[in-house]
Protein backbone atom coordinates (compact mmCIF):
# COMPACT_ATOMS: atom_id res chain seq x y z
CA MET A 1 19.35 51.97 14.94
CA SER A 2 22.99 51.24 15.31
CA GLY A 3 25.78 52.03 12.65
CA GLN A 4 29.13 50.65 11.64
CA ILE A 5 32.20 52.54 10.96
CA LEU A 6 34.36 51.15 8.33
CA ASP A 7 38.02 52.34 7.59
CA ALA A 8 39.67 51.15 4.44
CA THR A 9 42.81 51.91 2.65
CA LEU A 10 43.38 51.46 -0.83
CA VAL A 11 47.04 50.27 -2.15
CA ALA A 12 48.16 50.17 -5.56
CA ALA A 13 48.94 46.82 -6.87
CA PRO A 14 51.88 46.10 -9.00
CA LYS A 15 51.20 46.03 -12.65
CA GLN A 16 51.22 42.89 -14.56
CA ARG A 17 53.87 43.07 -17.41
CA ASN A 18 53.89 40.31 -20.18
CA THR A 19 56.41 39.96 -22.48
CA ASN A 20 55.86 40.16 -26.25
CA GLY A 21 56.13 36.28 -26.30
CA GLU A 22 53.64 35.82 -23.71
CA LYS A 23 51.40 38.42 -25.28
CA GLU A 24 51.36 36.33 -28.33
CA ASP A 25 50.70 33.16 -26.45
CA LEU A 26 47.72 34.92 -24.85
CA ARG A 27 46.20 36.11 -28.20
CA GLU A 28 46.27 32.61 -29.60
CA GLY A 29 44.47 31.26 -26.40
CA ARG A 30 47.50 29.45 -25.01
CA ILE A 31 48.81 29.85 -21.28
CA PRO A 32 52.19 31.34 -21.15
CA ARG A 33 55.07 29.50 -19.85
CA ASN A 34 56.72 30.04 -16.41
CA ARG A 35 53.32 31.51 -15.03
CA PRO A 36 53.54 31.86 -11.04
CA PHE A 37 50.27 30.13 -10.49
């Protein structure tokens, strides 16, 4: 039997910040303007 050694590092990702207008759009099912994707 052979095994594998796995080395992983977890890095915190930046938190997504939505403006109040974007939050309102999301609640109503609309995609907010100026999204990066």
